[in-house]
Structure formats: C-alpha cells, structure tokens
Amino acid sequence: MDCLRHFTHNMQPPAGIMNVFSRLNYKPHYAIAEFVDNSTQSYLLHRDELRASVPNFKLSIVVTQDARSNTLVVEDNAFGMERERFLDAITLDAKNAEQHNSRNEFGMGLKTAASWFGNVWSVSSTAYGSTNRYTAVINIPHLQETGENDVDIIVEPALPEEHGTIIRIEQITKSMGPRSVGKTRAMLASMYRRDLASGEVRINVNDQDIAFDPYPILRFRERDWKKELDFQFDF
C-alpha cells in the first residue's frame, strides 16, 4: 500500500514571476537570514511546547552549501509547519495574520530568497504533533515555460515527535566562495547575537557553529569609553 498522497496547490499570482526574484539586489547573507528568520520565529512562537517536549531543547539551524552538487540546504528542528502554514509558505500572495509584527510578518522571505539563490527549490516540513510531512518542489524554469501556477504537494507519514523544516535549493545561481561564507557567518552572528547569547539557538554554516564576538570598548587615556544605559520605551 502506497502511503504517499498528493494534491495540487495554486501558487497564485502567476508563479513564473518568481524568475524576477533572481534579479533582486540581495546578498547571500541577507538571503540566508530570511530562512533563519523563519526558523527562529517558529521557535519563538512555540518555545514552550518544544522545551516541554525535550529537556534542554535547543533550536538548531544548519546551513550547508555543496559546490560539487551545486546545492544549498537549510535545515532546522523548529516547530515545523502543518498544512495551512505550509501552503502559506509557498503561496506568493499569502500573509499569515497570526504573525503580525513578527520576524517573517510579510511571508515573502522564503520564496524570494530561495528563488534568488537558485532555479529549483523545495520545502519539506512536519509540525510537532502532526503525522504528516508536506513537501513541495518549485521548478522556476518549468513554471515560467509552461505558465502553470499549480504545484504538486506530496504528503507522507511522519511520527508525532518529529518536527522541523528542510529547504533545499538546486541549480544555484548565486554560489558562495570561502570569503562569502566567512562574511555570511560574521553577518549572521551579528544579526542573531541575542538569540545566540540566550544559549537557546545554534546556527551552523558549512560545519562551523557561529558565535558573536562583542565589539571592543574604546579605551583611551586610561579609561573605557562606555556609558551604562537604563531606560524603557514602548515598541
């Protein structure tokens, strides 16, 4: 008996427009930050559930570029996505009302970043407590050539204790050399320094965990030029 199920989903508006995303003025570290935003926001929304499920749970985000296979993979163990949230993640005009004022409020990060990085990308995700894993493959040249808006969604069984999301980008058009990988590590460490400092989040780029080194305090005339601040404001 085949446990796989399929259904089609309309990505409206025209999916071929994703080819335009490849011409955005992105940088690799900013594009990867879009994926990290999704992972960290998923964790922040469901931190209590995840930390209750596993003692000392730590969010892990692993970014791997393989020059030989021309792929980029971003994998996390965050809460994951059930059907409705998964379809939002691949629908071009979708906006998750429940995540107003969140890191991925407008919902375009995954789609724009993945389409900027390469011609073919896929998302596979299962939510904690779900028995379904959803996978979609977005082939931009095919969608542009055929004018199709429908993509095939594969549904396969998952264990309730499984959770997390895998983004795989193939036929990369924006590869990262050693210098770019180093800058990506440095930029992500700075952007997510509070998450890293909390001890609850681990980010790994090409087999190396990143850490933020605090900016040095200026020392001049035998004194440290710093001032302690203590104030509050509404945000």
Protein backbone atom coordinates (compact mmCIF):
# COMPACT_ATOMS: atom_id res chain seq x y z
CA MET A 1 0.00 0.00 0.00
CA ASP A 2 1.41 3.37 -1.02
CA CYS A 3 1.50 5.74 1.97
CA LEU A 4 2.17 8.81 -0.16
CA ARG A 5 -0.64 11.16 -1.06
CA HIS A 6 -0.66 14.07 -3.47
CA PHE A 7 -2.70 17.18 -4.11
CA THR A 8 -2.15 20.27 -6.24
CA HIS A 9 -1.94 23.83 -4.96
CA ASN A 10 -2.28 27.08 -6.89
CA MET A 11 0.62 29.42 -6.08
CA GLN A 12 -1.17 32.50 -7.46
CA PRO A 13 -0.41 35.09 -8.75
CA PRO A 14 1.47 33.72 -11.81
CA ALA A 15 4.26 31.52 -10.46
CA GLY A 16 6.52 32.42 -13.37
CA ILE A 17 7.04 35.82 -11.72
CA MET A 18 9.50 34.12 -9.34
CA ASN A 19 12.08 34.35 -12.09
CA VAL A 20 12.14 38.10 -11.39
CA PHE A 21 13.32 37.42 -7.83
CA SER A 22 16.69 36.26 -9.17
CA ARG A 23 17.40 39.87 -10.15
CA LEU A 24 16.78 41.33 -6.69
CA ASN A 25 19.63 43.24 -5.09
CA TYR A 26 20.22 40.58 -2.43
CA LYS A 27 23.41 39.39 -0.79
CA PRO A 28 23.90 35.72 0.25
CA HIS A 29 23.94 36.55 3.96
CA TYR A 30 20.72 38.55 3.73
CA ALA A 31 19.01 35.80 1.74
CA ILE A 32 20.08 33.15 4.25
CA ALA A 33 18.87 35.43 7.04
CA GLU A 34 15.37 35.13 5.57
CA PHE A 35 15.48 31.38 6.26
CA VAL A 36 16.91 31.94 9.74
CA ASP A 37 14.09 34.42 10.45
CA ASN A 38 11.54 31.72 9.64
CA SER A 39 13.28 29.17 11.85
CA THR A 40 13.76 31.45 14.84
CA GLN A 41 10.23 32.85 14.59
CA SER A 42 8.81 29.30 14.54
CA TYR A 43 10.82 28.55 17.66
CA LEU A 44 9.78 31.76 19.44
CA LEU A 45 6.10 31.09 18.74
CA HIS A 46 6.29 27.52 20.07
CA ARG A 47 9.17 27.66 22.53
CA ASP A 48 7.15 26.39 25.49
CA GLU A 49 5.87 23.35 23.57
CA LEU A 50 9.30 22.46 22.20
CA ARG A 51 11.10 22.91 25.52
CA ALA A 52 8.42 20.83 27.25
CA SER A 53 8.85 18.03 24.71
CA VAL A 54 12.63 17.68 25.08
CA PRO A 55 14.63 18.64 28.19
CA ASN A 56 17.16 21.38 27.43
CA PHE A 57 15.83 21.71 23.87
CA LYS A 58 17.96 23.92 21.65
CA LEU A 59 16.97 25.30 18.26
CA SER A 60 19.45 24.12 15.64
CA ILE A 61 19.74 25.75 12.21
CA VAL A 62 22.23 24.15 9.82
CA VAL A 63 23.21 25.81 6.53
CA THR A 64 25.20 23.71 4.05
CA GLN A 65 26.44 24.72 0.62
CA ASP A 66 27.84 21.93 -1.56
CA ALA A 67 29.74 23.29 -4.54
CA ARG A 68 30.03 19.84 -6.12
CA SER A 69 26.28 19.24 -6.28
CA ASN A 70 25.55 22.98 -6.67
CA THR A 71 23.07 22.92 -3.80
CA LEU A 72 22.25 24.88 -0.66
CA VAL A 73 20.38 23.21 2.19
CA VAL A 74 18.92 24.91 5.28
CA GLU A 75 17.60 22.53 7.92
CA ASP A 76 16.09 23.30 11.33
CA ASN A 77 14.45 21.46 14.20
CA ALA A 78 11.94 24.23 14.91
CA PHE A 79 8.22 23.57 15.36
CA GLY A 80 7.61 22.89 11.66
CA MET A 81 4.53 23.60 9.57
CA GLU A 82 1.13 21.97 9.32
CA ARG A 83 -0.85 22.10 6.08
CA GLU A 84 -2.24 25.66 6.22
CA ARG A 85 1.03 27.26 7.28
CA PHE A 86 2.96 25.16 4.75
CA LEU A 87 0.76 26.34 1.88
CA ASP A 88 1.20 29.95 3.05
CA ALA A 89 4.97 29.44 2.84
CA ILE A 90 4.84 28.66 -0.89
CA THR A 91 1.89 30.86 -1.95
CA LEU A 92 3.07 34.12 -3.49
CA ASP A 93 0.44 36.47 -2.08
CA ALA A 94 -0.06 34.74 1.27
CA LYS A 95 0.29 36.60 4.56
CA ASN A 96 -0.02 34.93 7.94
CA ALA A 97 -2.28 37.14 10.04
CA GLU A 98 -1.21 35.32 13.21
CA GLN A 99 2.38 36.56 12.81
CA HIS A 100 1.75 40.30 12.72
CA ASN A 101 4.85 42.20 13.89
CA SER A 102 6.93 39.03 13.70
CA ARG A 103 10.28 38.40 12.02
CA ASN A 104 8.57 36.97 8.95
CA GLU A 105 5.39 39.03 9.03
CA PHE A 106 5.06 39.51 5.28
CA GLY A 107 5.73 35.89 4.34
CA MET A 108 7.84 36.61 1.24
CA GLY A 109 11.25 35.81 2.71
CA LEU A 110 11.43 32.10 1.93
CA LYS A 111 10.05 32.46 -1.59
CA THR A 112 12.16 35.45 -2.61
CA ALA A 113 15.38 34.17 -1.04
CA ALA A 114 15.06 30.64 -2.42
CA SER A 115 14.17 31.92 -5.89
CA TRP A 116 17.07 34.37 -5.76
CA PHE A 117 19.52 31.61 -4.88
CA GLY A 118 18.60 29.01 -7.50
CA ASN A 119 16.32 27.73 -10.23
CA VAL A 120 14.79 24.80 -8.35
CA TRP A 121 13.91 24.70 -4.66
CA SER A 122 11.92 22.51 -2.36
CA VAL A 123 10.42 22.77 1.11
CA SER A 124 9.73 19.79 3.34
CA SER A 125 8.20 20.21 6.77
CA THR A 126 6.37 18.43 9.55
CA ALA A 127 4.94 20.09 12.64
CA TYR A 128 5.40 18.80 16.17
CA GLY A 129 2.47 16.51 16.97
CA SER A 130 1.50 16.06 13.31
CA THR A 131 1.52 12.74 11.48
CA ASN A 132 2.02 14.38 8.07
CA ARG A 133 5.13 15.65 6.31
CA TYR A 134 4.48 18.05 3.42
CA THR A 135 6.90 18.54 0.51
CA ALA A 136 6.71 20.84 -2.50
CA VAL A 137 9.22 21.27 -5.33
CA ILE A 138 9.27 24.63 -7.13
CA ASN A 139 10.88 24.43 -10.58
CA ILE A 140 11.03 28.05 -11.73
CA PRO A 141 12.14 27.46 -15.37
CA HIS A 142 9.34 24.89 -15.79
CA LEU A 143 6.70 27.19 -14.31
CA GLN A 144 7.85 30.05 -16.50
CA GLU A 145 7.94 27.95 -19.65
CA THR A 146 4.55 26.28 -19.13
CA GLY A 147 2.73 29.17 -17.47
CA GLU A 148 1.46 26.77 -14.83
CA ASN A 149 0.55 28.00 -11.35
CA ASP A 150 -0.17 24.61 -9.79
CA VAL A 151 2.48 22.68 -7.88
CA ASP A 152 2.29 19.14 -6.58
CA ILE A 153 2.22 18.75 -2.79
CA ILE A 154 3.43 15.39 -1.51
CA VAL A 155 2.06 14.18 1.83
CA GLU A 156 3.82 11.33 3.59
CA PRO A 157 3.57 9.83 7.09
CA ALA A 158 5.57 11.35 9.94
CA LEU A 159 5.96 10.49 13.61
CA PRO A 160 4.25 12.91 16.04
CA GLU A 161 7.56 13.59 17.81
CA GLU A 162 9.24 14.70 14.54
CA HIS A 163 9.37 18.41 13.75
CA GLY A 164 11.29 20.82 11.58
CA THR A 165 11.77 22.13 8.07
CA ILE A 166 14.26 21.45 5.28
CA ILE A 167 14.79 23.90 2.42
CA ARG A 168 16.84 22.55 -0.47
CA ILE A 169 17.92 24.79 -3.35
CA GLU A 170 19.32 23.23 -6.52
CA GLN A 171 20.89 24.67 -9.66
CA ILE A 172 22.29 27.52 -7.58
CA THR A 173 22.93 30.72 -9.50
CA LYS A 174 24.44 32.64 -6.55
CA SER A 175 27.24 30.46 -5.22
CA MET A 176 29.30 31.38 -2.16
CA GLY A 177 33.09 31.23 -2.15
CA PRO A 178 35.19 30.99 1.04
CA ARG A 179 35.15 34.76 1.54
CA SER A 180 31.38 34.93 1.09
CA VAL A 181 30.88 32.03 3.52
CA GLY A 182 33.05 33.81 6.07
CA LYS A 183 31.09 37.04 5.68
CA THR A 184 27.84 35.11 5.99
CA ARG A 185 28.98 33.64 9.30
CA ALA A 186 30.02 37.08 10.59
CA MET A 187 26.82 38.80 9.48
CA LEU A 188 24.52 36.10 10.88
CA ALA A 189 26.44 36.15 14.16
CA SER A 190 25.86 39.89 14.43
CA MET A 191 22.22 39.81 13.31
CA TYR A 192 21.25 36.99 15.69
CA ARG A 193 23.64 37.77 18.54
CA ARG A 194 20.84 38.00 21.10
CA ASP A 195 19.47 34.62 20.04
CA LEU A 196 22.94 33.08 20.22
CA ALA A 197 23.67 34.71 23.58
CA SER A 198 20.48 33.20 25.03
CA GLY A 199 22.02 29.74 24.68
CA GLU A 200 18.78 28.51 23.12
CA VAL A 201 19.83 28.83 19.48
CA ARG A 202 22.64 27.22 17.46
CA ILE A 203 23.43 28.31 13.92
CA ASN A 204 25.92 26.30 11.87
CA VAL A 205 27.26 27.34 8.46
CA ASN A 206 29.24 24.76 6.48
CA ASP A 207 30.14 22.64 9.52
CA GLN A 208 31.09 25.58 11.73
CA ASP A 209 28.98 26.93 14.59
CA ILE A 210 28.85 30.71 14.61
CA ALA A 211 29.36 32.93 17.64
CA PHE A 212 29.25 36.67 18.14
CA ASP A 213 32.34 38.41 19.45
CA PRO A 214 31.22 41.60 21.25
CA TYR A 215 32.52 44.82 19.80
CA PRO A 216 35.51 46.07 21.83
CA ILE A 217 35.08 49.06 24.11
CA LEU A 218 37.24 52.02 23.12
CA ARG A 219 40.00 52.55 25.67
CA PHE A 220 41.66 55.96 25.61
CA ARG A 221 43.52 57.97 28.23
CA GLU A 222 43.40 55.08 30.67
CA ARG A 223 39.65 54.78 30.70
CA ASP A 224 36.95 52.74 28.96
CA TRP A 225 34.66 55.00 26.95
CA LYS A 226 31.32 53.47 27.71
CA LYS A 227 28.13 54.55 29.46
CA GLU A 228 25.57 52.33 31.14
CA LEU A 229 22.01 52.96 29.93
CA ASP A 230 18.82 52.16 31.77
CA PHE A 231 15.55 53.19 30.14
CA GLN A 232 12.33 51.74 28.79
CA PHE A 233 10.16 52.51 25.79
CA ASP A 234 7.08 51.07 24.08
CA PHE A 235 7.76 49.10 20.90
